[in-house]
Amino acid sequence: MTARCRYCGASKALLDFESIRVDREIQGRVNRVVNCDSGNAKRQADAGARRTALFMKLLSSEESASLPKELLLAGQVLIDNPGLSIAELGALMDPPISKSGMNHRLKKLEEIASEL
């Protein structure tokens, strides 16, 4: 850099500009992560509430007598633990099942409950 640029403060101005740009970029990333997490939590809570209402309706109907034991247990685990994720619900099953297995059971219960 020439002596003139040093005297007029161009180096400091460039460093200040870069500092502001980096701060804004970091703040933007933090906001995106927070928004994504809160959105996921809201969707999970909404799905849990919807499923719980459907399964309570199903389990109180006459259809529940004809359900396989595995589906009844999956519905009961969800009703007892409405805030948990599908993977966590699967871990509570006896014996524990995978997230995919629990999701399959819950989808099957939703289909049956929505037909009522």
PDB file of N, CA and C in Angstrom:
ATOM      1  N   MET A   1       0.842  -1.166   0.000  1.00  0.00           N
ATOM      2  CA  MET A   1       0.000   0.000   0.000  1.00  0.00           C
ATOM      3  C   MET A   1       0.894   1.237   0.000  1.00  0.00           C
ATOM      4  N   THR A   2       0.442   2.220  -0.672  1.00  0.00           N
ATOM      5  CA  THR A   2       1.259   3.431  -0.748  1.00  0.00           C
ATOM      6  C   THR A   2       1.117   4.246   0.532  1.00  0.00           C
ATOM      7  N   ALA A   3       1.984   5.208   0.661  1.00  0.00           N
ATOM      8  CA  ALA A   3       1.983   6.050   1.858  1.00  0.00           C
ATOM      9  C   ALA A   3       0.713   6.885   1.930  1.00  0.00           C
ATOM     10  N   ARG A   4       0.181   7.289   0.779  1.00  0.00           N
ATOM     11  CA  ARG A   4      -1.042   8.101   0.783  1.00  0.00           C
ATOM     12  C   ARG A   4      -2.218   7.339   1.385  1.00  0.00           C
ATOM     13  N   CYS A   5      -2.360   6.044   1.016  1.00  0.00           N
ATOM     14  CA  CYS A   5      -3.476   5.245   1.528  1.00  0.00           C
ATOM     15  C   CYS A   5      -3.389   5.095   3.035  1.00  0.00           C
ATOM     16  N   ARG A   6      -2.169   4.978   3.532  1.00  0.00           N
ATOM     17  CA  ARG A   6      -2.016   4.847   4.972  1.00  0.00           C
ATOM     18  C   ARG A   6      -2.438   6.117   5.687  1.00  0.00           C
ATOM     19  N   TYR A   7      -2.151   7.229   5.071  1.00  0.00           N
ATOM     20  CA  TYR A   7      -2.483   8.505   5.703  1.00  0.00           C
ATOM     21  C   TYR A   7      -3.991   8.776   5.689  1.00  0.00           C
ATOM     22  N   CYS A   8      -4.673   8.345   4.656  1.00  0.00           N
ATOM     23  CA  CYS A   8      -6.109   8.649   4.589  1.00  0.00           C
ATOM     24  C   CYS A   8      -6.946   7.601   5.322  1.00  0.00           C
ATOM     25  N   GLY A   9      -6.346   6.558   5.862  1.00  0.00           N
ATOM     26  CA  GLY A   9      -7.057   5.594   6.693  1.00  0.00           C
ATOM     27  C   GLY A   9      -7.777   4.499   5.921  1.00  0.00           C
ATOM     28  N   ALA A  10      -7.371   4.235   4.698  1.00  0.00           N
ATOM     29  CA  ALA A  10      -8.041   3.224   3.877  1.00  0.00           C
ATOM     30  C   ALA A  10      -7.909   1.833   4.488  1.00  0.00           C
ATOM     31  N   SER A  11      -6.790   1.516   5.074  1.00  0.00           N
ATOM     32  CA  SER A  11      -6.590   0.191   5.668  1.00  0.00           C
ATOM     33  C   SER A  11      -7.557  -0.022   6.829  1.00  0.00           C
ATOM     34  N   LYS A  12      -7.679   0.969   7.675  1.00  0.00           N
ATOM     35  CA  LYS A  12      -8.587   0.859   8.815  1.00  0.00           C
ATOM     36  C   LYS A  12     -10.033   0.779   8.343  1.00  0.00           C
ATOM     37  N   ALA A  13     -10.380   1.563   7.342  1.00  0.00           N
ATOM     38  CA  ALA A  13     -11.748   1.529   6.819  1.00  0.00           C
ATOM     39  C   ALA A  13     -12.073   0.162   6.243  1.00  0.00           C
ATOM     40  N   LEU A  14     -11.111  -0.444   5.532  1.00  0.00           N
ATOM     41  CA  LEU A  14     -11.327  -1.778   4.967  1.00  0.00           C
ATOM     42  C   LEU A  14     -11.500  -2.803   6.074  1.00  0.00           C
ATOM     43  N   LEU A  15     -10.690  -2.737   7.116  1.00  0.00           N
ATOM     44  CA  LEU A  15     -10.814  -3.670   8.234  1.00  0.00           C
ATOM     45  C   LEU A  15     -12.142  -3.481   8.965  1.00  0.00           C
ATOM     46  N   ASP A  16     -12.572  -2.240   9.142  1.00  0.00           N
ATOM     47  CA  ASP A  16     -13.872  -1.979   9.780  1.00  0.00           C
ATOM     48  C   ASP A  16     -15.000  -2.559   8.940  1.00  0.00           C
ATOM     49  N   PHE A  17     -14.940  -2.340   7.637  1.00  0.00           N
ATOM     50  CA  PHE A  17     -15.964  -2.860   6.731  1.00  0.00           C
ATOM     51  C   PHE A  17     -16.026  -4.385   6.807  1.00  0.00           C
ATOM     52  N   GLU A  18     -14.882  -5.049   6.748  1.00  0.00           N
ATOM     53  CA  GLU A  18     -14.832  -6.508   6.813  1.00  0.00           C
ATOM     54  C   GLU A  18     -15.351  -7.024   8.155  1.00  0.00           C
ATOM     55  N   SER A  19     -15.054  -6.320   9.229  1.00  0.00           N
ATOM     56  CA  SER A  19     -15.533  -6.712  10.548  1.00  0.00           C
ATOM     57  C   SER A  19     -17.059  -6.658  10.610  1.00  0.00           C
ATOM     58  N   ILE A  20     -17.631  -5.602  10.076  1.00  0.00           N
ATOM     59  CA  ILE A  20     -19.094  -5.467  10.047  1.00  0.00           C
ATOM     60  C   ILE A  20     -19.712  -6.569   9.188  1.00  0.00           C
ATOM     61  N   ARG A  21     -19.111  -6.844   8.035  1.00  0.00           N
ATOM     62  CA  ARG A  21     -19.632  -7.873   7.131  1.00  0.00           C
ATOM     63  C   ARG A  21     -19.612  -9.250   7.799  1.00  0.00           C
ATOM     64  N   VAL A  22     -18.533  -9.580   8.483  1.00  0.00           N
ATOM     65  CA  VAL A  22     -18.416 -10.869   9.160  1.00  0.00           C
ATOM     66  C   VAL A  22     -19.433 -10.957  10.299  1.00  0.00           C
ATOM     67  N   ASP A  23     -19.588  -9.880  11.066  1.00  0.00           N
ATOM     68  CA  ASP A  23     -20.579  -9.876  12.151  1.00  0.00           C
ATOM     69  C   ASP A  23     -21.981 -10.129  11.608  1.00  0.00           C
ATOM     70  N   ARG A  24     -22.337  -9.468  10.518  1.00  0.00           N
ATOM     71  CA  ARG A  24     -23.672  -9.658   9.931  1.00  0.00           C
ATOM     72  C   ARG A  24     -23.856 -11.074   9.392  1.00  0.00           C
ATOM     73  N   GLU A  25     -22.814 -11.611   8.793  1.00  0.00           N
ATOM     74  CA  GLU A  25     -22.896 -12.972   8.258  1.00  0.00           C
ATOM     75  C   GLU A  25     -23.097 -13.984   9.392  1.00  0.00           C
ATOM     76  N   ILE A  26     -22.373 -13.830  10.473  1.00  0.00           N
ATOM     77  CA  ILE A  26     -22.517 -14.735  11.620  1.00  0.00           C
ATOM     78  C   ILE A  26     -23.912 -14.604  12.216  1.00  0.00           C
ATOM     79  N   GLN A  27     -24.396 -13.370  12.383  1.00  0.00           N
ATOM     80  CA  GLN A  27     -25.739 -13.156  12.935  1.00  0.00           C
ATOM     81  C   GLN A  27     -26.797 -13.788  12.027  1.00  0.00           C
ATOM     82  N   GLY A  28     -26.627 -13.681  10.720  1.00  0.00           N
ATOM     83  CA  GLY A  28     -27.558 -14.311   9.776  1.00  0.00           C
ATOM     84  C   GLY A  28     -27.566 -15.825   9.913  1.00  0.00           C
ATOM     85  N   ARG A  29     -26.402 -16.406  10.062  1.00  0.00           N
ATOM     86  CA  ARG A  29     -26.330 -17.867  10.239  1.00  0.00           C
ATOM     87  C   ARG A  29     -27.003 -18.304  11.540  1.00  0.00           C
ATOM     88  N   VAL A  30     -26.754 -17.562  12.601  1.00  0.00           N
ATOM     89  CA  VAL A  30     -27.372 -17.888  13.891  1.00  0.00           C
ATOM     90  C   VAL A  30     -28.893 -17.802  13.772  1.00  0.00           C
ATOM     91  N   ASN A  31     -29.402 -16.749  13.140  1.00  0.00           N
ATOM     92  CA  ASN A  31     -30.845 -16.595  12.965  1.00  0.00           C
ATOM     93  C   ASN A  31     -31.446 -17.749  12.171  1.00  0.00           C
ATOM     94  N   ARG A  32     -30.763 -18.178  11.107  1.00  0.00           N
ATOM     95  CA  ARG A  32     -31.266 -19.290  10.298  1.00  0.00           C
ATOM     96  C   ARG A  32     -31.335 -20.582  11.113  1.00  0.00           C
ATOM     97  N   VAL A  33     -30.320 -20.854  11.914  1.00  0.00           N
ATOM     98  CA  VAL A  33     -30.305 -22.066  12.735  1.00  0.00           C
ATOM     99  C   VAL A  33     -31.420 -22.017  13.781  1.00  0.00           C
ATOM    100  N   VAL A  34     -31.583 -20.880  14.432  1.00  0.00           N
ATOM    101  CA  VAL A  34     -32.624 -20.744  15.454  1.00  0.00           C
ATOM    102  C   VAL A  34     -34.002 -20.895  14.824  1.00  0.00           C
ATOM    103  N   ASN A  35     -34.235 -20.253  13.685  1.00  0.00           N
ATOM    104  CA  ASN A  35     -35.527 -20.357  13.019  1.00  0.00           C
ATOM    105  C   ASN A  35     -35.820 -21.791  12.581  1.00  0.00           C
ATOM    106  N   CYS A  36     -34.808 -22.476  12.102  1.00  0.00           N
ATOM    107  CA  CYS A  36     -34.987 -23.869  11.674  1.00  0.00           C
ATOM    108  C   CYS A  36     -35.340 -24.746  12.871  1.00  0.00           C
ATOM    109  N   ASP A  37     -34.621 -24.579  13.974  1.00  0.00           N
ATOM    110  CA  ASP A  37     -34.885 -25.378  15.176  1.00  0.00           C
ATOM    111  C   ASP A  37     -36.275 -25.116  15.731  1.00  0.00           C
ATOM    112  N   SER A  38     -36.669 -23.853  15.795  1.00  0.00           N
ATOM    113  CA  SER A  38     -37.994 -23.540  16.338  1.00  0.00           C
ATOM    114  C   SER A  38     -39.086 -24.039  15.393  1.00  0.00           C
ATOM    115  N   GLY A  39     -38.846 -23.971  14.092  1.00  0.00           N
ATOM    116  CA  GLY A  39     -39.813 -24.500  13.132  1.00  0.00           C
ATOM    117  C   GLY A  39     -39.975 -26.001  13.264  1.00  0.00           C
ATOM    118  N   ASN A  40     -38.857 -26.696  13.430  1.00  0.00           N
ATOM    119  CA  ASN A  40     -38.920 -28.152  13.613  1.00  0.00           C
ATOM    120  C   ASN A  40     -39.650 -28.516  14.894  1.00  0.00           C
ATOM    121  N   ALA A  41     -39.393 -27.785  15.959  1.00  0.00           N
ATOM    122  CA  ALA A  41     -40.061 -28.065  17.234  1.00  0.00           C
ATOM    123  C   ALA A  41     -41.566 -27.835  17.121  1.00  0.00           C
ATOM    124  N   LYS A  42     -41.954 -26.777  16.407  1.00  0.00           N
ATOM    125  CA  LYS A  42     -43.381 -26.494  16.234  1.00  0.00           C
ATOM    126  C   LYS A  42     -44.056 -27.591  15.412  1.00  0.00           C
ATOM    127  N   ARG A  43     -43.409 -27.997  14.323  1.00  0.00           N
ATOM    128  CA  ARG A  43     -43.981 -29.066  13.494  1.00  0.00           C
ATOM    129  C   ARG A  43     -44.095 -30.373  14.282  1.00  0.00           C
ATOM    130  N   GLN A  44     -43.081 -30.680  15.082  1.00  0.00           N
ATOM    131  CA  GLN A  44     -43.106 -31.893  15.895  1.00  0.00           C
ATOM    132  C   GLN A  44     -44.229 -31.831  16.922  1.00  0.00           C
ATOM    133  N   ALA A  45     -44.409 -30.678  17.553  1.00  0.00           N
ATOM    134  CA  ALA A  45     -45.474 -30.534  18.551  1.00  0.00           C
ATOM    135  C   ALA A  45     -46.853 -30.631  17.902  1.00  0.00           C
ATOM    136  N   ASP A  46     -47.014 -29.996  16.748  1.00  0.00           N
ATOM    137  CA  ASP A  46     -48.300 -30.058  16.037  1.00  0.00           C
ATOM    138  C   ASP A  46     -48.632 -31.483  15.622  1.00  0.00           C
ATOM    139  N   ALA A  47     -47.646 -32.186  15.090  1.00  0.00           N
ATOM    140  CA  ALA A  47     -47.871 -33.572  14.667  1.00  0.00           C
ATOM    141  C   ALA A  47     -48.190 -34.458  15.874  1.00  0.00           C
ATOM    142  N   GLY A  48     -47.497 -34.237  16.976  1.00  0.00           N
ATOM    143  CA  GLY A  48     -47.758 -35.022  18.187  1.00  0.00           C
ATOM    144  C   GLY A  48     -49.164 -34.794  18.716  1.00  0.00           C
ATOM    145  N   ALA A  49     -49.605 -33.544  18.711  1.00  0.00           N
ATOM    146  CA  ALA A  49     -50.957 -33.234  19.199  1.00  0.00           C
ATOM    147  C   ALA A  49     -52.021 -33.847  18.283  1.00  0.00           C
ATOM    148  N   ARG A  50     -51.789 -33.751  16.973  1.00  0.00           N
ATOM    149  CA  ARG A  50     -52.743 -34.317  16.013  1.00  0.00           C
ATOM    150  C   ARG A  50     -52.823 -35.826  16.166  1.00  0.00           C
ATOM    151  N   ARG A  51     -51.661 -36.463  16.256  1.00  0.00           N
ATOM    152  CA  ARG A  51     -51.637 -37.930  16.414  1.00  0.00           C
ATOM    153  C   ARG A  51     -52.286 -38.353  17.724  1.00  0.00           C
ATOM    154  N   THR A  52     -51.984 -37.648  18.786  1.00  0.00           N
ATOM    155  CA  THR A  52     -52.551 -38.003  20.089  1.00  0.00           C
ATOM    156  C   THR A  52     -54.072 -37.955  20.052  1.00  0.00           C
ATOM    157  N   ALA A  53     -54.625 -36.904  19.458  1.00  0.00           N
ATOM    158  CA  ALA A  53     -56.086 -36.790  19.366  1.00  0.00           C
ATOM    159  C   ALA A  53     -56.673 -37.925  18.528  1.00  0.00           C
ATOM    160  N   LEU A  54     -56.017 -38.225  17.395  1.00  0.00           N
ATOM    161  CA  LEU A  54     -56.502 -39.321  16.543  1.00  0.00           C
ATOM    162  C   LEU A  54     -56.449 -40.661  17.264  1.00  0.00           C
ATOM    163  N   PHE A  55     -55.344 -40.913  17.955  1.00  0.00           N
ATOM    164  CA  PHE A  55     -55.172 -42.216  18.594  1.00  0.00           C
ATOM    165  C   PHE A  55     -56.080 -42.378  19.800  1.00  0.00           C
ATOM    166  N   MET A  56     -56.339 -41.291  20.518  1.00  0.00           N
ATOM    167  CA  MET A  56     -57.270 -41.382  21.647  1.00  0.00           C
ATOM    168  C   MET A  56     -58.666 -41.715  21.124  1.00  0.00           C
ATOM    169  N   LYS A  57     -59.019 -41.100  20.001  1.00  0.00           N
ATOM    170  CA  LYS A  57     -60.307 -41.399  19.374  1.00  0.00           C
ATOM    171  C   LYS A  57     -60.353 -42.870  18.938  1.00  0.00           C
ATOM    172  N   LEU A  58     -59.265 -43.344  18.346  1.00  0.00           N
ATOM    173  CA  LEU A  58     -59.204 -44.726  17.874  1.00  0.00           C
ATOM    174  C   LEU A  58     -59.258 -45.711  19.036  1.00  0.00           C
ATOM    175  N   LEU A  59     -58.482 -45.456  20.077  1.00  0.00           N
ATOM    176  CA  LEU A  59     -58.420 -46.387  21.195  1.00  0.00           C
ATOM    177  C   LEU A  59     -59.724 -46.434  21.994  1.00  0.00           C
ATOM    178  N   SER A  60     -60.523 -45.384  21.928  1.00  0.00           N
ATOM    179  CA  SER A  60     -61.804 -45.387  22.633  1.00  0.00           C
ATOM    180  C   SER A  60     -62.932 -45.967  21.770  1.00  0.00           C
ATOM    181  N   SER A  61     -62.617 -46.310  20.519  1.00  0.00           N
ATOM    182  CA  SER A  61     -63.640 -46.872  19.636  1.00  0.00           C
ATOM    183  C   SER A  61     -63.626 -48.403  19.702  1.00  0.00           C
ATOM    184  N   GLU A  62     -64.606 -49.003  19.054  1.00  0.00           N
ATOM    185  CA  GLU A  62     -64.691 -50.464  19.000  1.00  0.00           C
ATOM    186  C   GLU A  62     -63.608 -51.056  18.101  1.00  0.00           C
ATOM    187  N   GLU A  63     -63.064 -50.251  17.194  1.00  0.00           N
ATOM    188  CA  GLU A  63     -62.007 -50.703  16.287  1.00  0.00           C
ATOM    189  C   GLU A  63     -60.751 -51.142  17.035  1.00  0.00           C
ATOM    190  N   SER A  64     -60.540 -50.595  18.215  1.00  0.00           N
ATOM    191  CA  SER A  64     -59.304 -50.900  18.945  1.00  0.00           C
ATOM    192  C   SER A  64     -59.209 -52.382  19.307  1.00  0.00           C
ATOM    193  N   ALA A  65     -60.338 -53.051  19.441  1.00  0.00           N
ATOM    194  CA  ALA A  65     -60.317 -54.479  19.788  1.00  0.00           C
ATOM    195  C   ALA A  65     -59.734 -55.319  18.659  1.00  0.00           C
ATOM    196  N   SER A  66     -59.835 -54.830  17.427  1.00  0.00           N
ATOM    197  CA  SER A  66     -59.348 -55.611  16.290  1.00  0.00           C
ATOM    198  C   SER A  66     -57.927 -55.221  15.863  1.00  0.00           C
ATOM    199  N   LEU A  67     -57.320 -54.269  16.562  1.00  0.00           N
ATOM    200  CA  LEU A  67     -55.961 -53.845  16.208  1.00  0.00           C
ATOM    201  C   LEU A  67     -54.923 -54.848  16.696  1.00  0.00           C
ATOM    202  N   PRO A  68     -53.853 -55.038  15.915  1.00  0.00           N
ATOM    203  CA  PRO A  68     -52.745 -55.878  16.386  1.00  0.00           C
ATOM    204  C   PRO A  68     -52.104 -55.273  17.643  1.00  0.00           C
ATOM    205  N   LYS A  69     -51.536 -56.148  18.457  1.00  0.00           N
ATOM    206  CA  LYS A  69     -50.933 -55.734  19.724  1.00  0.00           C
ATOM    207  C   LYS A  69     -49.841 -54.673  19.514  1.00  0.00           C
ATOM    208  N   GLU A  70     -49.030 -54.834  18.456  1.00  0.00           N
ATOM    209  CA  GLU A  70     -47.934 -53.893  18.204  1.00  0.00           C
ATOM    210  C   GLU A  70     -48.462 -52.481  17.948  1.00  0.00           C
ATOM    211  N   LEU A  71     -49.560 -52.380  17.205  1.00  0.00           N
ATOM    212  CA  LEU A  71     -50.130 -51.067  16.917  1.00  0.00           C
ATOM    213  C   LEU A  71     -50.750 -50.443  18.173  1.00  0.00           C
ATOM    214  N   LEU A  72     -51.410 -51.266  18.971  1.00  0.00           N
ATOM    215  CA  LEU A  72     -51.980 -50.764  20.219  1.00  0.00           C
ATOM    216  C   LEU A  72     -50.891 -50.212  21.137  1.00  0.00           C
ATOM    217  N   LEU A  73     -49.787 -50.948  21.242  1.00  0.00           N
ATOM    218  CA  LEU A  73     -48.683 -50.498  22.098  1.00  0.00           C
ATOM    219  C   LEU A  73     -48.053 -49.213  21.563  1.00  0.00           C
ATOM    220  N   ALA A  74     -47.916 -49.114  20.249  1.00  0.00           N
ATOM    221  CA  ALA A  74     -47.348 -47.902  19.653  1.00  0.00           C
ATOM    222  C   ALA A  74     -48.242 -46.697  19.942  1.00  0.00           C
ATOM    223  N   GLY A  75     -49.548 -46.883  19.796  1.00  0.00           N
ATOM    224  CA  GLY A  75     -50.480 -45.799  20.096  1.00  0.00           C
ATOM    225  C   GLY A  75     -50.443 -45.403  21.559  1.00  0.00           C
ATOM    226  N   GLN A  76     -50.349 -46.392  22.436  1.00  0.00           N
ATOM    227  CA  GLN A  76     -50.312 -46.113  23.872  1.00  0.00           C
ATOM    228  C   GLN A  76     -49.035 -45.387  24.265  1.00  0.00           C
ATOM    229  N   VAL A  77     -47.908 -45.793  23.678  1.00  0.00           N
ATOM    230  CA  VAL A  77     -46.636 -45.120  23.970  1.00  0.00           C
ATOM    231  C   VAL A  77     -46.704 -43.662  23.532  1.00  0.00           C
ATOM    232  N   LEU A  78     -47.313 -43.402  22.370  1.00  0.00           N
ATOM    233  CA  LEU A  78     -47.435 -42.022  21.906  1.00  0.00           C
ATOM    234  C   LEU A  78     -48.335 -41.206  22.826  1.00  0.00           C
ATOM    235  N   ILE A  79     -49.458 -41.762  23.228  1.00  0.00           N
ATOM    236  CA  ILE A  79     -50.382 -41.043  24.114  1.00  0.00           C
ATOM    237  C   ILE A  79     -49.719 -40.742  25.456  1.00  0.00           C
ATOM    238  N   ASP A  80     -48.936 -41.691  25.967  1.00  0.00           N
ATOM    239  CA  ASP A  80     -48.258 -41.497  27.255  1.00  0.00           C
ATOM    240  C   ASP A  80     -47.103 -40.498  27.169  1.00  0.00           C
ATOM    241  N   ASN A  81     -46.524 -40.326  25.962  1.00  0.00           N
ATOM    242  CA  ASN A  81     -45.343 -39.472  25.784  1.00  0.00           C
ATOM    243  C   ASN A  81     -45.523 -38.584  24.554  1.00  0.00           C
ATOM    244  N   PRO A  82     -46.449 -37.634  24.572  1.00  0.00           N
ATOM    245  CA  PRO A  82     -46.786 -36.884  23.363  1.00  0.00           C
ATOM    246  C   PRO A  82     -45.692 -35.957  22.840  1.00  0.00           C
ATOM    247  N   GLY A  83     -44.762 -35.535  23.654  1.00  0.00           N
ATOM    248  CA  GLY A  83     -43.750 -34.584  23.219  1.00  0.00           C
ATOM    249  C   GLY A  83     -42.495 -35.197  22.637  1.00  0.00           C
ATOM    250  N   LEU A  84     -42.405 -36.511  22.630  1.00  0.00           N
ATOM    251  CA  LEU A  84     -41.172 -37.157  22.173  1.00  0.00           C
ATOM    252  C   LEU A  84     -41.138 -37.298  20.663  1.00  0.00           C
ATOM    253  N   SER A  85     -39.920 -37.397  20.130  1.00  0.00           N
ATOM    254  CA  SER A  85     -39.759 -37.628  18.693  1.00  0.00           C
ATOM    255  C   SER A  85     -40.067 -39.091  18.381  1.00  0.00           C
ATOM    256  N   ILE A  86     -40.189 -39.388  17.099  1.00  0.00           N
ATOM    257  CA  ILE A  86     -40.509 -40.756  16.682  1.00  0.00           C
ATOM    258  C   ILE A  86     -39.396 -41.715  17.095  1.00  0.00           C
ATOM    259  N   ALA A  87     -38.148 -41.272  16.979  1.00  0.00           N
ATOM    260  CA  ALA A  87     -37.017 -42.121  17.375  1.00  0.00           C
ATOM    261  C   ALA A  87     -37.060 -42.420  18.879  1.00  0.00           C
ATOM    262  N   GLU A  88     -37.392 -41.400  19.671  1.00  0.00           N
ATOM    263  CA  GLU A  88     -37.473 -41.598  21.126  1.00  0.00           C
ATOM    264  C   GLU A  88     -38.645 -42.507  21.492  1.00  0.00           C
ATOM    265  N   LEU A  89     -39.758 -42.379  20.768  1.00  0.00           N
ATOM    266  CA  LEU A  89     -40.896 -43.269  21.017  1.00  0.00           C
ATOM    267  C   LEU A  89     -40.528 -44.713  20.695  1.00  0.00           C
ATOM    268  N   GLY A  90     -39.805 -44.912  19.591  1.00  0.00           N
ATOM    269  CA  GLY A  90     -39.372 -46.254  19.212  1.00  0.00           C
ATOM    270  C   GLY A  90     -38.473 -46.884  20.260  1.00  0.00           C
ATOM    271  N   ALA A  91     -37.643 -46.051  20.892  1.00  0.00           N
ATOM    272  CA  ALA A  91     -36.744 -46.560  21.935  1.00  0.00           C
ATOM    273  C   ALA A  91     -37.524 -47.001  23.176  1.00  0.00           C
ATOM    274  N   LEU A  92     -38.721 -46.446  23.386  1.00  0.00           N
ATOM    275  CA  LEU A  92     -39.535 -46.817  24.549  1.00  0.00           C
ATOM    276  C   LEU A  92     -40.321 -48.113  24.341  1.00  0.00           C
ATOM    277  N   MET A  93     -40.391 -48.576  23.102  1.00  0.00           N
ATOM    278  CA  MET A  93     -41.141 -49.801  22.821  1.00  0.00           C
ATOM    279  C   MET A  93     -40.420 -50.999  23.445  1.00  0.00           C
ATOM    280  N   ASP A  94     -41.177 -52.060  23.688  1.00  0.00           N
ATOM    281  CA  ASP A  94     -40.590 -53.266  24.267  1.00  0.00           C
ATOM    282  C   ASP A  94     -40.821 -54.438  23.323  1.00  0.00           C
ATOM    283  N   PRO A  95     -39.841 -54.908  22.604  1.00  0.00           N
ATOM    284  CA  PRO A  95     -38.456 -54.448  22.504  1.00  0.00           C
ATOM    285  C   PRO A  95     -38.373 -53.149  21.698  1.00  0.00           C
ATOM    286  N   PRO A  96     -37.292 -52.387  21.893  1.00  0.00           N
ATOM    287  CA  PRO A  96     -37.133 -51.126  21.160  1.00  0.00           C
ATOM    288  C   PRO A  96     -37.125 -51.364  19.653  1.00  0.00           C
ATOM    289  N   ILE A  97     -37.698 -50.417  18.916  1.00  0.00           N
ATOM    290  CA  ILE A  97     -37.709 -50.514  17.460  1.00  0.00           C
ATOM    291  C   ILE A  97     -37.074 -49.252  16.874  1.00  0.00           C
ATOM    292  N   SER A  98     -36.751 -49.321  15.586  1.00  0.00           N
ATOM    293  CA  SER A  98     -36.097 -48.196  14.921  1.00  0.00           C
ATOM    294  C   SER A  98     -37.088 -47.063  14.673  1.00  0.00           C
ATOM    295  N   LYS A  99     -36.538 -45.920  14.309  1.00  0.00           N
ATOM    296  CA  LYS A  99     -37.368 -44.769  13.961  1.00  0.00           C
ATOM    297  C   LYS A  99     -38.272 -45.124  12.789  1.00  0.00           C
ATOM    298  N   SER A 100     -37.723 -45.821  11.824  1.00  0.00           N
ATOM    299  CA  SER A 100     -38.498 -46.225  10.654  1.00  0.00           C
ATOM    300  C   SER A 100     -39.649 -47.149  11.039  1.00  0.00           C
ATOM    301  N   GLY A 101     -39.374 -48.110  11.918  1.00  0.00           N
ATOM    302  CA  GLY A 101     -40.413 -49.043  12.367  1.00  0.00           C
ATOM    303  C   GLY A 101     -41.516 -48.345  13.134  1.00  0.00           C
ATOM    304  N   MET A 102     -41.133 -47.408  13.998  1.00  0.00           N
ATOM    305  CA  MET A 102     -42.134 -46.666  14.771  1.00  0.00           C
ATOM    306  C   MET A 102     -42.951 -45.776  13.856  1.00  0.00           C
ATOM    307  N   ASN A 103     -42.292 -45.130  12.903  1.00  0.00           N
ATOM    308  CA  ASN A 103     -42.993 -44.272  11.955  1.00  0.00           C
ATOM    309  C   ASN A 103     -44.008 -45.087  11.153  1.00  0.00           C
ATOM    310  N   HIS A 104     -43.623 -46.279  10.744  1.00  0.00           N
ATOM    311  CA  HIS A 104     -44.532 -47.155   9.989  1.00  0.00           C
ATOM    312  C   HIS A 104     -45.776 -47.487  10.822  1.00  0.00           C
ATOM    313  N   ARG A 105     -45.571 -47.814  12.087  1.00  0.00           N
ATOM    314  CA  ARG A 105     -46.708 -48.146  12.963  1.00  0.00           C
ATOM    315  C   ARG A 105     -47.619 -46.939  13.181  1.00  0.00           C
ATOM    316  N   LEU A 106     -47.012 -45.778  13.380  1.00  0.00           N
ATOM    317  CA  LEU A 106     -47.816 -44.582  13.594  1.00  0.00           C
ATOM    318  C   LEU A 106     -48.600 -44.196  12.343  1.00  0.00           C
ATOM    319  N   LYS A 107     -47.981 -44.348  11.178  1.00  0.00           N
ATOM    320  CA  LYS A 107     -48.688 -44.066   9.915  1.00  0.00           C
ATOM    321  C   LYS A 107     -49.867 -45.019   9.750  1.00  0.00           C
ATOM    322  N   LYS A 108     -49.660 -46.276  10.071  1.00  0.00           N
ATOM    323  CA  LYS A 108     -50.721 -47.265   9.962  1.00  0.00           C
ATOM    324  C   LYS A 108     -51.872 -46.907  10.909  1.00  0.00           C
ATOM    325  N   LEU A 109     -51.554 -46.521  12.122  1.00  0.00           N
ATOM    326  CA  LEU A 109     -52.583 -46.108  13.070  1.00  0.00           C
ATOM    327  C   LEU A 109     -53.328 -44.856  12.575  1.00  0.00           C
ATOM    328  N   GLU A 110     -52.588 -43.919  11.979  1.00  0.00           N
ATOM    329  CA  GLU A 110     -53.235 -42.717  11.439  1.00  0.00           C
ATOM    330  C   GLU A 110     -54.222 -43.077  10.343  1.00  0.00           C
ATOM    331  N   GLU A 111     -53.839 -43.992   9.478  1.00  0.00           N
ATOM    332  CA  GLU A 111     -54.737 -44.421   8.395  1.00  0.00           C
ATOM    333  C   GLU A 111     -56.018 -45.010   8.966  1.00  0.00           C
ATOM    334  N   ILE A 112     -55.873 -45.891   9.947  1.00  0.00           N
ATOM    335  CA  ILE A 112     -57.032 -46.547  10.552  1.00  0.00           C
ATOM    336  C   ILE A 112     -57.907 -45.511  11.265  1.00  0.00           C
ATOM    337  N   ALA A 113     -57.275 -44.608  12.012  1.00  0.00           N
ATOM    338  CA  ALA A 113     -58.019 -43.598  12.779  1.00  0.00           C
ATOM    339  C   ALA A 113     -58.738 -42.622  11.857  1.00  0.00           C
ATOM    340  N   SER A 114     -58.128 -42.265  10.740  1.00  0.00           N
ATOM    341  CA  SER A 114     -58.763 -41.306   9.841  1.00  0.00           C
ATOM    342  C   SER A 114     -59.976 -41.911   9.122  1.00  0.00           C
ATOM    343  N   GLU A 115     -60.065 -43.220   9.068  1.00  0.00           N
ATOM    344  CA  GLU A 115     -61.222 -43.878   8.443  1.00  0.00           C
ATOM    345  C   GLU A 115     -62.437 -43.909   9.360  1.00  0.00           C
ATOM    346  N   LEU A 116     -62.237 -43.633  10.647  1.00  0.00           N
ATOM    347  CA  LEU A 116     -63.359 -43.653  11.603  1.00  0.00           C
ATOM    348  C   LEU A 116     -64.298 -42.481  11.394  1.00  0.00           C
TER     349      LEU A 116
END
